[in-house]
């Protein structure tokens, strides 16, 4: 994540994100965290493997957006069908009841 980046996700579907990752081979699995240390005598170096670090939602979102690219529409003027949509703003969800 770059300095100053801020993201907030009011809704996040891990199942849907995992399915997009699997279907498109994006690679959202945890990353290995490496350490490199110089030897005290200045000869050689020590490389160690710490632990796996989980990607943040912002990092996952960026990787998905980068992989999907122009397949994600950002305007409702785009003719259907839209496989992916992206945007920033409010979303209102409601359930439609059909009265018979």
PDB file of N, CA and C in Angstrom:
ATOM      1  N   UNK A   1       0.838  -1.171   0.000  1.00  0.00           N
ATOM      2  CA  UNK A   1       0.000   0.000   0.000  1.00  0.00           C
ATOM      3  C   UNK A   1       0.887   1.239   0.000  1.00  0.00           C
ATOM      4  N   UNK A   2       0.511   2.212  -0.801  1.00  0.00           N
ATOM      5  CA  UNK A   2       1.284   3.449  -0.867  1.00  0.00           C
ATOM      6  C   UNK A   2       0.894   4.384   0.262  1.00  0.00           C
ATOM      7  N   UNK A   3       1.812   5.217   0.633  1.00  0.00           N
ATOM      8  CA  UNK A   3       1.570   6.174   1.705  1.00  0.00           C
ATOM      9  C   UNK A   3       0.393   7.074   1.344  1.00  0.00           C
ATOM     10  N   UNK A   4      -0.519   7.258   2.274  1.00  0.00           N
ATOM     11  CA  UNK A   4      -1.660   8.126   2.057  1.00  0.00           C
ATOM     12  C   UNK A   4      -2.871   7.425   1.464  1.00  0.00           C
ATOM     13  N   UNK A   5      -2.748   6.149   1.097  1.00  0.00           N
ATOM     14  CA  UNK A   5      -3.883   5.415   0.550  1.00  0.00           C
ATOM     15  C   UNK A   5      -4.837   5.047   1.676  1.00  0.00           C
ATOM     16  N   UNK A   6      -6.102   5.302   1.439  1.00  0.00           N
ATOM     17  CA  UNK A   6      -7.125   4.969   2.416  1.00  0.00           C
ATOM     18  C   UNK A   6      -8.269   4.299   1.676  1.00  0.00           C
ATOM     19  N   UNK A   7      -8.777   3.238   2.224  1.00  0.00           N
ATOM     20  CA  UNK A   7      -9.917   2.563   1.619  1.00  0.00           C
ATOM     21  C   UNK A   7     -10.878   2.106   2.692  1.00  0.00           C
ATOM     22  N   UNK A   8     -12.145   2.052   2.360  1.00  0.00           N
ATOM     23  CA  UNK A   8     -13.164   1.595   3.289  1.00  0.00           C
ATOM     24  C   UNK A   8     -14.140   0.731   2.515  1.00  0.00           C
ATOM     25  N   UNK A   9     -14.449  -0.430   3.039  1.00  0.00           N
ATOM     26  CA  UNK A   9     -15.357  -1.356   2.370  1.00  0.00           C
ATOM     27  C   UNK A   9     -16.503  -1.675   3.315  1.00  0.00           C
ATOM     28  N   UNK A  10     -17.692  -1.175   2.992  1.00  0.00           N
ATOM     29  CA  UNK A  10     -18.848  -1.432   3.823  1.00  0.00           C
ATOM     30  C   UNK A  10     -19.414  -2.818   3.557  1.00  0.00           C
ATOM     31  N   UNK A  11     -19.138  -3.339   2.381  1.00  0.00           N
ATOM     32  CA  UNK A  11     -19.539  -4.701   2.048  1.00  0.00           C
ATOM     33  C   UNK A  11     -18.388  -5.367   1.323  1.00  0.00           C
ATOM     34  N   UNK A  12     -18.031  -6.554   1.757  1.00  0.00           N
ATOM     35  CA  UNK A  12     -16.931  -7.294   1.141  1.00  0.00           C
ATOM     36  C   UNK A  12     -17.294  -8.763   1.183  1.00  0.00           C
ATOM     37  N   UNK A  13     -17.359  -9.407   0.041  1.00  0.00           N
ATOM     38  CA  UNK A  13     -17.688 -10.823  -0.037  1.00  0.00           C
ATOM     39  C   UNK A  13     -16.408 -11.623  -0.282  1.00  0.00           C
ATOM     40  N   UNK A  14     -15.879 -12.232   0.780  1.00  0.00           N
ATOM     41  CA  UNK A  14     -14.670 -13.048   0.628  1.00  0.00           C
ATOM     42  C   UNK A  14     -14.907 -14.184  -0.363  1.00  0.00           C
ATOM     43  N   UNK A  15     -16.106 -14.760  -0.341  1.00  0.00           N
ATOM     44  CA  UNK A  15     -16.424 -15.857  -1.251  1.00  0.00           C
ATOM     45  C   UNK A  15     -16.392 -15.389  -2.704  1.00  0.00           C
ATOM     46  N   UNK A  16     -16.956 -14.232  -2.987  1.00  0.00           N
ATOM     47  CA  UNK A  16     -16.965 -13.705  -4.363  1.00  0.00           C
ATOM     48  C   UNK A  16     -15.557 -13.314  -4.801  1.00  0.00           C
ATOM     49  N   UNK A  17     -14.802 -12.679  -3.926  1.00  0.00           N
ATOM     50  CA  UNK A  17     -13.428 -12.284  -4.240  1.00  0.00           C
ATOM     51  C   UNK A  17     -12.578 -13.521  -4.527  1.00  0.00           C
ATOM     52  N   UNK A  18     -12.740 -14.558  -3.703  1.00  0.00           N
ATOM     53  CA  UNK A  18     -11.995 -15.804  -3.913  1.00  0.00           C
ATOM     54  C   UNK A  18     -12.373 -16.452  -5.245  1.00  0.00           C
ATOM     55  N   UNK A  19     -13.651 -16.386  -5.622  1.00  0.00           N
ATOM     56  CA  UNK A  19     -14.094 -16.970  -6.888  1.00  0.00           C
ATOM     57  C   UNK A  19     -13.516 -16.202  -8.081  1.00  0.00           C
ATOM     58  N   UNK A  20     -13.491 -14.877  -8.013  1.00  0.00           N
ATOM     59  CA  UNK A  20     -12.890 -14.062  -9.081  1.00  0.00           C
ATOM     60  C   UNK A  20     -11.405 -14.386  -9.192  1.00  0.00           C
ATOM     61  N   UNK A  21     -10.738 -14.529  -8.051  1.00  0.00           N
ATOM     62  CA  UNK A  21      -9.319 -14.884  -8.021  1.00  0.00           C
ATOM     63  C   UNK A  21      -9.097 -16.239  -8.683  1.00  0.00           C
ATOM     64  N   UNK A  22      -9.883 -17.213  -8.301  1.00  0.00           N
ATOM     65  CA  UNK A  22      -9.751 -18.562  -8.843  1.00  0.00           C
ATOM     66  C   UNK A  22     -10.051 -18.611 -10.341  1.00  0.00           C
ATOM     67  N   UNK A  23     -11.120 -17.947 -10.757  1.00  0.00           N
ATOM     68  CA  UNK A  23     -11.522 -17.958 -12.173  1.00  0.00           C
ATOM     69  C   UNK A  23     -10.520 -17.260 -13.083  1.00  0.00           C
ATOM     70  N   UNK A  24      -9.819 -16.273 -12.561  1.00  0.00           N
ATOM     71  CA  UNK A  24      -8.942 -15.452 -13.391  1.00  0.00           C
ATOM     72  C   UNK A  24      -7.460 -15.608 -13.078  1.00  0.00           C
ATOM     73  N   UNK A  25      -7.101 -16.467 -12.147  1.00  0.00           N
ATOM     74  CA  UNK A  25      -5.693 -16.710 -11.821  1.00  0.00           C
ATOM     75  C   UNK A  25      -4.954 -15.475 -11.352  1.00  0.00           C
ATOM     76  N   UNK A  26      -5.586 -14.675 -10.527  1.00  0.00           N
ATOM     77  CA  UNK A  26      -5.004 -13.402 -10.098  1.00  0.00           C
ATOM     78  C   UNK A  26      -3.908 -13.603  -9.045  1.00  0.00           C
ATOM     79  N   UNK A  27      -4.101 -14.515  -8.117  1.00  0.00           N
ATOM     80  CA  UNK A  27      -3.084 -14.781  -7.095  1.00  0.00           C
ATOM     81  C   UNK A  27      -3.207 -13.898  -5.884  1.00  0.00           C
ATOM     82  N   UNK A  28      -4.314 -13.994  -5.180  1.00  0.00           N
ATOM     83  CA  UNK A  28      -4.542 -13.162  -3.997  1.00  0.00           C
ATOM     84  C   UNK A  28      -4.161 -13.864  -2.705  1.00  0.00           C
ATOM     85  N   UNK A  29      -3.392 -14.932  -2.791  1.00  0.00           N
ATOM     86  CA  UNK A  29      -2.987 -15.636  -1.582  1.00  0.00           C
ATOM     87  C   UNK A  29      -2.016 -14.781  -0.786  1.00  0.00           C
ATOM     88  N   UNK A  30      -1.823 -15.152   0.453  1.00  0.00           N
ATOM     89  CA  UNK A  30      -0.920 -14.405   1.330  1.00  0.00           C
ATOM     90  C   UNK A  30       0.486 -14.372   0.756  1.00  0.00           C
ATOM     91  N   UNK A  31       1.197 -13.310   1.048  1.00  0.00           N
ATOM     92  CA  UNK A  31       2.560 -13.133   0.556  1.00  0.00           C
ATOM     93  C   UNK A  31       3.553 -13.515   1.636  1.00  0.00           C
ATOM     94  N   UNK A  32       4.699 -14.024   1.203  1.00  0.00           N
ATOM     95  CA  UNK A  32       5.777 -14.290   2.156  1.00  0.00           C
ATOM     96  C   UNK A  32       6.470 -12.987   2.499  1.00  0.00           C
ATOM     97  N   UNK A  33       6.837 -12.840   3.732  1.00  0.00           N
ATOM     98  CA  UNK A  33       7.545 -11.659   4.195  1.00  0.00           C
ATOM     99  C   UNK A  33       9.001 -12.039   4.414  1.00  0.00           C
ATOM    100  N   UNK A  34       9.911 -11.440   3.659  1.00  0.00           N
ATOM    101  CA  UNK A  34      11.337 -11.779   3.719  1.00  0.00           C
ATOM    102  C   UNK A  34      12.117 -10.725   4.486  1.00  0.00           C
ATOM    103  N   UNK A  35      13.186 -11.169   5.114  1.00  0.00           N
ATOM    104  CA  UNK A  35      14.104 -10.239   5.770  1.00  0.00           C
ATOM    105  C   UNK A  35      15.507 -10.481   5.236  1.00  0.00           C
ATOM    106  N   UNK A  36      16.248  -9.417   5.076  1.00  0.00           N
ATOM    107  CA  UNK A  36      17.642  -9.513   4.636  1.00  0.00           C
ATOM    108  C   UNK A  36      18.475  -8.729   5.644  1.00  0.00           C
ATOM    109  N   UNK A  37      19.490  -9.398   6.189  1.00  0.00           N
ATOM    110  CA  UNK A  37      20.354  -8.755   7.181  1.00  0.00           C
ATOM    111  C   UNK A  37      21.798  -8.880   6.735  1.00  0.00           C
ATOM    112  N   UNK A  38      22.536  -7.808   6.909  1.00  0.00           N
ATOM    113  CA  UNK A  38      23.970  -7.847   6.615  1.00  0.00           C
ATOM    114  C   UNK A  38      24.700  -8.480   7.798  1.00  0.00           C
ATOM    115  N   UNK A  39      25.720  -9.238   7.495  1.00  0.00           N
ATOM    116  CA  UNK A  39      26.521  -9.868   8.548  1.00  0.00           C
ATOM    117  C   UNK A  39      27.312  -8.796   9.293  1.00  0.00           C
ATOM    118  N   UNK A  40      27.513  -8.963  10.604  1.00  0.00           N
ATOM    119  CA  UNK A  40      28.233  -7.954  11.390  1.00  0.00           C
ATOM    120  C   UNK A  40      29.655  -7.697  10.879  1.00  0.00           C
ATOM    121  N   UNK A  41      30.312  -8.713  10.319  1.00  0.00           N
ATOM    122  CA  UNK A  41      31.672  -8.543   9.833  1.00  0.00           C
ATOM    123  C   UNK A  41      31.689  -7.920   8.433  1.00  0.00           C
ATOM    124  N   UNK A  42      30.522  -7.731   7.825  1.00  0.00           N
ATOM    125  CA  UNK A  42      30.456  -7.146   6.489  1.00  0.00           C
ATOM    126  C   UNK A  42      30.690  -8.164   5.389  1.00  0.00           C
ATOM    127  N   UNK A  43      30.817  -9.430   5.739  1.00  0.00           N
ATOM    128  CA  UNK A  43      31.034 -10.467   4.738  1.00  0.00           C
ATOM    129  C   UNK A  43      29.792 -11.345   4.688  1.00  0.00           C
ATOM    130  N   UNK A  44      29.117 -11.380   3.541  1.00  0.00           N
ATOM    131  CA  UNK A  44      27.926 -12.217   3.386  1.00  0.00           C
ATOM    132  C   UNK A  44      26.681 -11.540   3.915  1.00  0.00           C
ATOM    133  N   UNK A  45      25.577 -12.235   3.812  1.00  0.00           N
ATOM    134  CA  UNK A  45      24.292 -11.721   4.274  1.00  0.00           C
ATOM    135  C   UNK A  45      23.424 -12.883   4.720  1.00  0.00           C
ATOM    136  N   UNK A  46      22.473 -12.586   5.542  1.00  0.00           N
ATOM    137  CA  UNK A  46      21.547 -13.600   6.034  1.00  0.00           C
ATOM    138  C   UNK A  46      20.162 -13.296   5.458  1.00  0.00           C
ATOM    139  N   UNK A  47      19.538 -14.289   4.851  1.00  0.00           N
ATOM    140  CA  UNK A  47      18.188 -14.123   4.316  1.00  0.00           C
ATOM    141  C   UNK A  47      17.273 -15.014   5.120  1.00  0.00           C
ATOM    142  N   UNK A  48      16.264 -14.438   5.699  1.00  0.00           N
ATOM    143  CA  UNK A  48      15.341 -15.217   6.522  1.00  0.00           C
ATOM    144  C   UNK A  48      13.919 -15.093   6.017  1.00  0.00           C
ATOM    145  N   UNK A  49      13.118 -16.088   6.303  1.00  0.00           N
ATOM    146  CA  UNK A  49      11.713 -16.091   5.944  1.00  0.00           C
ATOM    147  C   UNK A  49      10.919 -15.892   7.224  1.00  0.00           C
ATOM    148  N   UNK A  50      10.219 -14.791   7.302  1.00  0.00           N
ATOM    149  CA  UNK A  50       9.387 -14.565   8.482  1.00  0.00           C
ATOM    150  C   UNK A  50       8.093 -15.334   8.316  1.00  0.00           C
ATOM    151  N   UNK A  51       7.001 -14.737   8.293  1.00  0.00           N
ATOM    152  CA  UNK A  51       5.724 -15.432   8.181  1.00  0.00           C
ATOM    153  C   UNK A  51       4.919 -14.879   7.021  1.00  0.00           C
ATOM    154  N   UNK A  52       3.888 -15.605   6.661  1.00  0.00           N
ATOM    155  CA  UNK A  52       3.012 -15.147   5.588  1.00  0.00           C
ATOM    156  C   UNK A  52       2.186 -13.965   6.090  1.00  0.00           C
ATOM    157  N   UNK A  53       2.085 -12.927   5.285  1.00  0.00           N
ATOM    158  CA  UNK A  53       1.256 -11.787   5.638  1.00  0.00           C
ATOM    159  C   UNK A  53       0.053 -11.760   4.711  1.00  0.00           C
ATOM    160  N   UNK A  54      -1.096 -11.562   5.264  1.00  0.00           N
ATOM    161  CA  UNK A  54      -2.336 -11.520   4.498  1.00  0.00           C
ATOM    162  C   UNK A  54      -2.427 -10.182   3.760  1.00  0.00           C
ATOM    163  N   UNK A  55      -2.914 -10.225   2.517  1.00  0.00           N
ATOM    164  CA  UNK A  55      -3.120  -8.997   1.760  1.00  0.00           C
ATOM    165  C   UNK A  55      -4.285  -8.227   2.371  1.00  0.00           C
ATOM    166  N   UNK A  56      -4.198  -6.905   2.363  1.00  0.00           N
ATOM    167  CA  UNK A  56      -5.315  -6.094   2.834  1.00  0.00           C
ATOM    168  C   UNK A  56      -6.402  -6.075   1.772  1.00  0.00           C
ATOM    169  N   UNK A  57      -7.590  -5.652   2.138  1.00  0.00           N
ATOM    170  CA  UNK A  57      -8.678  -5.556   1.157  1.00  0.00           C
ATOM    171  C   UNK A  57      -8.321  -4.581   0.041  1.00  0.00           C
ATOM    172  N   UNK A  58      -7.651  -3.494   0.395  1.00  0.00           N
ATOM    173  CA  UNK A  58      -7.246  -2.514  -0.610  1.00  0.00           C
ATOM    174  C   UNK A  58      -6.272  -3.141  -1.607  1.00  0.00           C
ATOM    175  N   UNK A  59      -5.316  -3.929  -1.112  1.00  0.00           N
ATOM    176  CA  UNK A  59      -4.360  -4.595  -2.001  1.00  0.00           C
ATOM    177  C   UNK A  59      -5.063  -5.618  -2.892  1.00  0.00           C
ATOM    178  N   UNK A  60      -6.008  -6.368  -2.324  1.00  0.00           N
ATOM    179  CA  UNK A  60      -6.772  -7.330  -3.113  1.00  0.00           C
ATOM    180  C   UNK A  60      -7.590  -6.615  -4.196  1.00  0.00           C
ATOM    181  N   UNK A  61      -8.252  -5.531  -3.810  1.00  0.00           N
ATOM    182  CA  UNK A  61      -9.063  -4.780  -4.766  1.00  0.00           C
ATOM    183  C   UNK A  61      -8.209  -4.247  -5.917  1.00  0.00           C
ATOM    184  N   UNK A  62      -7.031  -3.735  -5.601  1.00  0.00           N
ATOM    185  CA  UNK A  62      -6.137  -3.220  -6.647  1.00  0.00           C
ATOM    186  C   UNK A  62      -5.682  -4.325  -7.596  1.00  0.00           C
ATOM    187  N   UNK A  63      -5.348  -5.501  -7.039  1.00  0.00           N
ATOM    188  CA  UNK A  63      -4.911  -6.617  -7.885  1.00  0.00           C
ATOM    189  C   UNK A  63      -6.042  -7.092  -8.788  1.00  0.00           C
ATOM    190  N   UNK A  64      -7.250  -7.160  -8.248  1.00  0.00           N
ATOM    191  CA  UNK A  64      -8.397  -7.576  -9.057  1.00  0.00           C
ATOM    192  C   UNK A  64      -8.665  -6.552 -10.150  1.00  0.00           C
ATOM    193  N   UNK A  65      -8.679  -5.284  -9.799  1.00  0.00           N
ATOM    194  CA  UNK A  65      -8.932  -4.228 -10.787  1.00  0.00           C
ATOM    195  C   UNK A  65      -7.866  -4.223 -11.878  1.00  0.00           C
ATOM    196  N   UNK A  66      -6.630  -4.454 -11.501  1.00  0.00           N
ATOM    197  CA  UNK A  66      -5.550  -4.498 -12.478  1.00  0.00           C
ATOM    198  C   UNK A  66      -5.710  -5.687 -13.420  1.00  0.00           C
ATOM    199  N   UNK A  67      -6.108  -6.833 -12.879  1.00  0.00           N
ATOM    200  CA  UNK A  67      -6.255  -8.039 -13.698  1.00  0.00           C
ATOM    201  C   UNK A  67      -7.468  -7.967 -14.618  1.00  0.00           C
ATOM    202  N   UNK A  68      -8.556  -7.399 -14.130  1.00  0.00           N
ATOM    203  CA  UNK A  68      -9.789  -7.341 -14.920  1.00  0.00           C
ATOM    204  C   UNK A  68      -9.714  -6.245 -15.974  1.00  0.00           C
ATOM    205  N   UNK A  69      -9.076  -5.147 -15.629  1.00  0.00           N
ATOM    206  CA  UNK A  69      -8.863  -4.058 -16.586  1.00  0.00           C
ATOM    207  C   UNK A  69     -10.145  -3.491 -17.171  1.00  0.00           C
ATOM    208  N   UNK A  70     -10.211  -3.423 -18.484  1.00  0.00           N
ATOM    209  CA  UNK A  70     -11.331  -2.772 -19.171  1.00  0.00           C
ATOM    210  C   UNK A  70     -12.611  -3.599 -19.146  1.00  0.00           C
ATOM    211  N   UNK A  71     -12.553  -4.814 -18.619  1.00  0.00           N
ATOM    212  CA  UNK A  71     -13.784  -5.604 -18.488  1.00  0.00           C
ATOM    213  C   UNK A  71     -14.720  -5.018 -17.439  1.00  0.00           C
ATOM    214  N   UNK A  72     -14.186  -4.210 -16.539  1.00  0.00           N
ATOM    215  CA  UNK A  72     -15.000  -3.583 -15.500  1.00  0.00           C
ATOM    216  C   UNK A  72     -15.514  -2.247 -16.007  1.00  0.00           C
ATOM    217  N   UNK A  73     -16.828  -2.131 -16.178  1.00  0.00           N
ATOM    218  CA  UNK A  73     -17.420  -0.882 -16.641  1.00  0.00           C
ATOM    219  C   UNK A  73     -17.602   0.059 -15.460  1.00  0.00           C
ATOM    220  N   UNK A  74     -17.527   1.352 -15.725  1.00  0.00           N
ATOM    221  CA  UNK A  74     -17.691   2.333 -14.653  1.00  0.00           C
ATOM    222  C   UNK A  74     -18.786   3.341 -14.969  1.00  0.00           C
ATOM    223  N   UNK A  75     -19.558   3.080 -16.015  1.00  0.00           N
ATOM    224  CA  UNK A  75     -20.650   3.967 -16.375  1.00  0.00           C
ATOM    225  C   UNK A  75     -21.863   3.146 -16.784  1.00  0.00           C
ATOM    226  N   UNK A  76     -23.021   3.658 -16.483  1.00  0.00           N
ATOM    227  CA  UNK A  76     -24.245   2.950 -16.859  1.00  0.00           C
ATOM    228  C   UNK A  76     -24.590   3.157 -18.324  1.00  0.00           C
ATOM    229  N   UNK A  77     -23.841   3.992 -19.034  1.00  0.00           N
ATOM    230  CA  UNK A  77     -24.061   4.206 -20.460  1.00  0.00           C
ATOM    231  C   UNK A  77     -23.463   3.084 -21.310  1.00  0.00           C
ATOM    232  N   UNK A  78     -22.664   2.219 -20.687  1.00  0.00           N
ATOM    233  CA  UNK A  78     -22.049   1.101 -21.396  1.00  0.00           C
ATOM    234  C   UNK A  78     -23.126   0.078 -21.740  1.00  0.00           C
ATOM    235  N   UNK A  79     -23.166  -0.374 -23.011  1.00  0.00           N
ATOM    236  CA  UNK A  79     -24.204  -1.350 -23.364  1.00  0.00           C
ATOM    237  C   UNK A  79     -24.006  -2.687 -22.645  1.00  0.00           C
ATOM    238  N   UNK A  80     -25.114  -3.362 -22.328  1.00  0.00           N
ATOM    239  CA  UNK A  80     -24.998  -4.655 -21.647  1.00  0.00           C
ATOM    240  C   UNK A  80     -24.457  -5.717 -22.587  1.00  0.00           C
ATOM    241  N   UNK A  81     -24.005  -6.830 -22.109  1.00  0.00           N
ATOM    242  CA  UNK A  81     -23.936  -7.191 -20.695  1.00  0.00           C
ATOM    243  C   UNK A  81     -22.638  -6.715 -20.075  1.00  0.00           C
ATOM    244  N   UNK A  82     -22.695  -6.397 -18.814  1.00  0.00           N
ATOM    245  CA  UNK A  82     -21.504  -6.005 -18.059  1.00  0.00           C
ATOM    246  C   UNK A  82     -21.149  -7.145 -17.118  1.00  0.00           C
ATOM    247  N   UNK A  83     -19.971  -7.704 -17.278  1.00  0.00           N
ATOM    248  CA  UNK A  83     -19.552  -8.799 -16.407  1.00  0.00           C
ATOM    249  C   UNK A  83     -19.083  -8.283 -15.054  1.00  0.00           C
ATOM    250  N   UNK A  84     -18.390  -7.134 -15.056  1.00  0.00           N
ATOM    251  CA  UNK A  84     -17.919  -6.515 -13.821  1.00  0.00           C
ATOM    252  C   UNK A  84     -18.253  -5.033 -13.870  1.00  0.00           C
ATOM    253  N   UNK A  85     -18.509  -4.458 -12.703  1.00  0.00           N
ATOM    254  CA  UNK A  85     -18.760  -3.018 -12.593  1.00  0.00           C
ATOM    255  C   UNK A  85     -17.895  -2.482 -11.457  1.00  0.00           C
ATOM    256  N   UNK A  86     -17.471  -1.245 -11.589  1.00  0.00           N
ATOM    257  CA  UNK A  86     -16.668  -0.626 -10.538  1.00  0.00           C
ATOM    258  C   UNK A  86     -17.112   0.808 -10.361  1.00  0.00           C
ATOM    259  N   UNK A  87     -16.862   1.352  -9.189  1.00  0.00           N
ATOM    260  CA  UNK A  87     -17.232   2.724  -8.929  1.00  0.00           C
ATOM    261  C   UNK A  87     -17.049   3.070  -7.466  1.00  0.00           C
ATOM    262  N   UNK A  88     -17.266   4.323  -7.178  1.00  0.00           N
ATOM    263  CA  UNK A  88     -17.164   4.832  -5.821  1.00  0.00           C
ATOM    264  C   UNK A  88     -18.416   5.635  -5.558  1.00  0.00           C
ATOM    265  N   UNK A  89     -19.033   5.401  -4.438  1.00  0.00           N
ATOM    266  CA  UNK A  89     -20.235   6.139  -4.096  1.00  0.00           C
ATOM    267  C   UNK A  89     -21.143   5.320  -3.215  1.00  0.00           C
ATOM    268  N   UNK A  90     -22.385   5.755  -3.114  1.00  0.00           N
ATOM    269  CA  UNK A  90     -23.351   5.069  -2.279  1.00  0.00           C
ATOM    270  C   UNK A  90     -24.074   3.997  -3.085  1.00  0.00           C
ATOM    271  N   UNK A  91     -24.414   2.939  -2.404  1.00  0.00           N
ATOM    272  CA  UNK A  91     -25.197   1.866  -2.995  1.00  0.00           C
ATOM    273  C   UNK A  91     -26.403   1.641  -2.107  1.00  0.00           C
ATOM    274  N   UNK A  92     -27.570   1.626  -2.717  1.00  0.00           N
ATOM    275  CA  UNK A  92     -28.802   1.374  -1.978  1.00  0.00           C
ATOM    276  C   UNK A  92     -29.336   0.023  -2.419  1.00  0.00           C
ATOM    277  N   UNK A  93     -29.567  -0.847  -1.475  1.00  0.00           N
ATOM    278  CA  UNK A  93     -30.090  -2.160  -1.757  1.00  0.00           C
ATOM    279  C   UNK A  93     -31.527  -2.251  -1.254  1.00  0.00           C
ATOM    280  N   UNK A  94     -32.371  -2.848  -2.060  1.00  0.00           N
ATOM    281  CA  UNK A  94     -33.755  -3.039  -1.664  1.00  0.00           C
ATOM    282  C   UNK A  94     -34.255  -4.352  -2.241  1.00  0.00           C
ATOM    283  N   UNK A  95     -35.234  -4.918  -1.603  1.00  0.00           N
ATOM    284  CA  UNK A  95     -35.806  -6.158  -2.092  1.00  0.00           C
ATOM    285  C   UNK A  95     -37.106  -5.826  -2.816  1.00  0.00           C
ATOM    286  N   UNK A  96     -37.221  -6.369  -4.019  1.00  0.00           N
ATOM    287  CA  UNK A  96     -38.414  -6.133  -4.835  1.00  0.00           C
ATOM    288  C   UNK A  96     -39.444  -7.207  -4.529  1.00  0.00           C
ATOM    289  N   UNK A  97     -40.626  -6.781  -4.120  1.00  0.00           N
ATOM    290  CA  UNK A  97     -41.720  -7.716  -3.876  1.00  0.00           C
ATOM    291  C   UNK A  97     -42.749  -7.541  -4.973  1.00  0.00           C
ATOM    292  N   UNK A  98     -43.071  -8.607  -5.604  1.00  0.00           N
ATOM    293  CA  UNK A  98     -44.073  -8.575  -6.669  1.00  0.00           C
ATOM    294  C   UNK A  98     -45.436  -8.868  -6.029  1.00  0.00           C
ATOM    295  N   UNK A  99     -46.338  -7.938  -6.209  1.00  0.00           N
ATOM    296  CA  UNK A  99     -47.686  -8.113  -5.663  1.00  0.00           C
ATOM    297  C   UNK A  99     -48.564  -8.773  -6.717  1.00  0.00           C
ATOM    298  N   UNK A 100     -49.200  -9.859  -6.361  1.00  0.00           N
ATOM    299  CA  UNK A 100     -50.088 -10.537  -7.305  1.00  0.00           C
ATOM    300  C   UNK A 100     -51.498 -10.564  -6.838  1.00  0.00           C
TER     301      UNK A 100
END
